[in-house]
Each structure stands twice: as structure tokens, then as C-alpha cells.
Amino acid sequence: MAKSDDFLSQAKRMGGLHFCPQTAEAWNEIAKILMRHCKTVEHASRVIDRFLSPGASEDFPTPGAVAQAARDTPADPKLDRPDLPAGCPDCEPYGGLWRDGKRGGVERCGCARGLKLSALDAIRAGSPELRKGGMRNAADFAKRAAGDCE
């Protein structure tokens, strides 16, 4: 079990950013946010990496921004930048992410790339609709997310 000191150490990696917390209480609040929203210390580390990556703001993030980054950063690094098959002619005009929807707007494509993206969407949401896209059980769902699409 991770200790609060582990999350505090992760938060303090941002100590070189502008406008960082000046009191121990403020640092502890950031650590509490990480503890509340991150599944593991490794997950917290990946959240902090986003704030320290090239091109990120040099200002210290707000507590709300830290919480949002934790929600937006998958706990599993494989979900962060998954290997995806190429898009089909329907979704390629949208960068392989979407296709024209049947009722207007856009939707995930039915090609191998679209099915994998749908599976990843459901995993990230934490409450997968296992029957969507022909996935009848968790094993099928995990296979699709891992890239074992047919």
C-alpha cells in the first residue's frame, strides 16, 4: 500500500514550476488529490510527468487541474498511447478517430481501429458496455483493448 509520503514526493517533483505551494499544508493538499484520484504511485508519477513534459505550462497547476489530469491519465500505461491498426476510408478523413454518424455528427468507426478505440474508451470510462461492438464478455473486451482484434 502506498503511503502519503510517496504521493507527496511525486507532487514535489513539480517544485521547480512557477507559483508552487509555499507551505507544507498546500503540498499535502496536492498529495491528497493525487491519492484520491490516482490508483497507484506509478499512476501519480505519470500524471506529474504530464505537467513536467516539454511544452507544458511552467506555472504550477491548480488543484482542480491536478485532479482532472489524474482522471484523464489512464492508470495503465498501455492505454496512454496504444498501438492501433490503420484507419479505413470512412474514418481516415477524421484522422482515423471518427466517421460520419448515421444521425449526423460523428461516431466511432466499425473497422478494426474503431473497435479498438471503442474498447479503449469503455475501459477508460471504467464501466464498459461489454456487448457494444460484439463484445459479449470481459475476455473479448480485454482482447480487443490489447490489440488482438480480428
Protein backbone atom coordinates (compact mmCIF):
# COMPACT_ATOMS: atom_id res chain seq x y z
CA MET A 1 0.00 0.00 0.00
CA ALA A 2 1.37 3.36 -0.99
CA LYS A 3 1.95 5.90 1.73
CA SER A 4 1.02 9.57 1.58
CA ASP A 5 4.76 10.38 1.58
CA ASP A 6 5.07 8.59 -1.77
CA PHE A 7 2.38 10.82 -3.29
CA LEU A 8 3.91 13.88 -1.64
CA SER A 9 7.26 13.02 -3.23
CA GLN A 10 5.55 12.87 -6.62
CA ALA A 11 3.87 16.25 -6.06
CA LYS A 12 7.15 17.85 -5.01
CA ARG A 13 8.68 16.94 -8.37
CA MET A 14 6.77 20.00 -9.60
CA GLY A 15 8.62 22.25 -7.15
CA GLY A 16 10.53 23.98 -9.95
CA LEU A 17 7.36 25.31 -11.59
CA HIS A 18 6.36 28.94 -11.11
CA PHE A 19 3.94 29.72 -8.27
CA CYS A 20 4.40 26.39 -6.49
CA PRO A 21 2.97 25.93 -2.98
CA GLN A 22 4.86 27.72 -0.22
CA THR A 23 3.56 25.79 2.80
CA ALA A 24 3.62 22.17 3.85
CA GLU A 25 -0.19 22.21 4.10
CA ALA A 26 -0.53 23.23 0.47
CA TRP A 27 1.86 20.48 -0.69
CA ASN A 28 -0.08 17.97 1.41
CA GLU A 29 -3.32 19.03 -0.30
CA ILE A 30 -1.80 18.31 -3.72
CA ALA A 31 -0.62 14.92 -2.40
CA LYS A 32 -4.16 14.20 -1.10
CA ILE A 33 -5.59 14.97 -4.54
CA LEU A 34 -3.13 12.54 -6.12
CA MET A 35 -4.01 9.89 -3.52
CA ARG A 36 -7.73 10.38 -4.14
CA HIS A 37 -7.58 10.28 -7.93
CA CYS A 38 -4.62 8.01 -8.74
CA LYS A 39 -4.76 4.23 -8.47
CA THR A 40 -1.05 3.82 -7.72
CA VAL A 41 2.09 5.88 -7.13
CA GLU A 42 3.16 4.95 -10.67
CA HIS A 43 -0.10 6.43 -11.94
CA ALA A 44 0.62 9.61 -9.94
CA SER A 45 4.10 9.72 -11.45
CA ARG A 46 2.64 9.61 -14.95
CA VAL A 47 0.21 12.42 -14.04
CA ILE A 48 3.07 14.61 -12.81
CA ASP A 49 5.09 13.73 -15.93
CA ARG A 50 2.39 15.46 -18.00
CA PHE A 51 2.94 18.72 -16.10
CA LEU A 52 6.70 18.43 -16.49
CA SER A 53 6.78 17.42 -20.15
CA PRO A 54 8.22 19.75 -22.81
CA GLY A 55 5.67 22.30 -23.91
CA ALA A 56 3.64 22.14 -20.69
CA SER A 57 2.92 25.32 -18.76
CA GLU A 58 5.69 26.50 -16.47
CA ASP A 59 3.11 27.56 -13.87
CA PHE A 60 2.11 25.21 -11.06
CA PRO A 61 -1.27 23.58 -11.81
CA THR A 62 -4.34 24.31 -9.75
CA PRO A 63 -5.67 21.51 -7.54
CA GLY A 64 -8.54 21.08 -9.99
CA ALA A 65 -6.11 20.74 -12.88
CA VAL A 66 -4.19 18.03 -10.98
CA ALA A 67 -7.44 16.14 -10.31
CA GLN A 68 -8.52 16.46 -13.96
CA ALA A 69 -5.11 15.28 -15.20
CA ALA A 70 -5.37 12.25 -12.91
CA ARG A 71 -8.79 11.42 -14.37
CA ASP A 72 -7.51 11.94 -17.93
CA THR A 73 -4.34 9.88 -17.48
CA PRO A 74 -5.00 6.14 -17.69
CA ALA A 75 -3.59 4.14 -14.80
CA ASP A 76 -2.31 1.55 -17.27
CA PRO A 77 0.49 3.00 -19.44
CA LYS A 78 -0.56 0.72 -22.33
CA LEU A 79 -3.77 2.74 -22.64
CA ASP A 80 -1.90 6.02 -22.95
CA ARG A 81 -0.51 5.51 -26.44
CA PRO A 82 -1.91 2.24 -27.73
CA ASP A 83 -0.79 0.63 -30.95
CA LEU A 84 -3.69 1.00 -33.33
CA PRO A 85 -4.39 -0.55 -36.71
CA ALA A 86 -4.69 1.80 -39.69
CA GLY A 87 -7.99 3.55 -40.24
CA CYS A 88 -10.33 2.69 -43.12
CA PRO A 89 -11.53 5.04 -45.89
CA ASP A 90 -14.57 6.01 -43.75
CA CYS A 91 -12.63 7.21 -40.71
CA GLU A 92 -9.32 8.24 -42.29
CA PRO A 93 -10.60 11.75 -43.20
CA TYR A 94 -11.11 12.27 -39.44
CA GLY A 95 -7.62 11.12 -38.50
CA GLY A 96 -8.79 7.53 -38.01
CA LEU A 97 -10.76 8.54 -34.93
CA TRP A 98 -14.32 9.03 -36.20
CA ARG A 99 -16.62 8.62 -39.19
CA ASP A 100 -19.80 10.39 -40.24
CA GLY A 101 -22.60 9.31 -37.93
CA LYS A 102 -25.86 7.81 -39.14
CA ARG A 103 -27.87 10.52 -37.37
CA GLY A 104 -25.48 13.37 -38.10
CA GLY A 105 -22.37 14.21 -36.16
CA VAL A 106 -19.60 11.64 -35.83
CA GLU A 107 -19.22 8.20 -34.24
CA ARG A 108 -16.55 5.55 -33.80
CA CYS A 109 -15.97 3.56 -36.96
CA GLY A 110 -16.77 -0.16 -37.25
CA CYS A 111 -13.30 -1.01 -38.64
CA ALA A 112 -10.60 -2.71 -36.53
CA ARG A 113 -9.22 0.69 -35.45
CA GLY A 114 -12.66 2.00 -34.46
CA LEU A 115 -13.48 -1.16 -32.50
CA LYS A 116 -10.22 -0.92 -30.59
CA LEU A 117 -10.80 2.77 -29.86
CA SER A 118 -14.33 1.96 -28.63
CA ALA A 119 -12.94 -0.71 -26.33
CA LEU A 120 -10.31 1.71 -25.00
CA ASP A 121 -12.99 4.38 -24.46
CA ALA A 122 -15.02 1.96 -22.36
CA ILE A 123 -12.00 0.83 -20.33
CA ARG A 124 -11.01 4.44 -19.64
CA ALA A 125 -14.57 5.23 -18.58
CA GLY A 126 -14.38 2.39 -16.05
CA SER A 127 -17.79 0.96 -16.87
CA PRO A 128 -17.52 -0.86 -20.19
CA GLU A 129 -20.56 -1.75 -22.21
CA LEU A 130 -19.38 -5.26 -22.95
CA ARG A 131 -22.00 -6.01 -25.57
CA LYS A 132 -21.14 -2.97 -27.68
CA GLY A 133 -19.27 -3.87 -30.82
CA GLY A 134 -19.99 -7.60 -30.45
CA MET A 135 -18.03 -7.99 -27.21
CA ARG A 136 -20.01 -10.45 -25.13
CA ASN A 137 -17.73 -10.83 -22.16
CA ALA A 138 -14.77 -9.29 -20.38
CA ALA A 139 -12.29 -11.64 -22.09
CA ASP A 140 -13.37 -10.43 -25.56
CA PHE A 141 -13.22 -6.88 -24.31
CA ALA A 142 -9.68 -7.28 -22.95
CA LYS A 143 -8.53 -8.95 -26.19
CA ARG A 144 -9.81 -6.04 -28.26
CA ALA A 145 -8.17 -3.49 -25.96
CA ALA A 146 -4.88 -5.39 -26.11
CA GLY A 147 -4.97 -5.32 -29.90
CA ASP A 148 -5.97 -8.89 -30.62
CA CYS A 149 -8.80 -7.75 -32.91
CA GLU A 150 -9.74 -9.99 -35.79
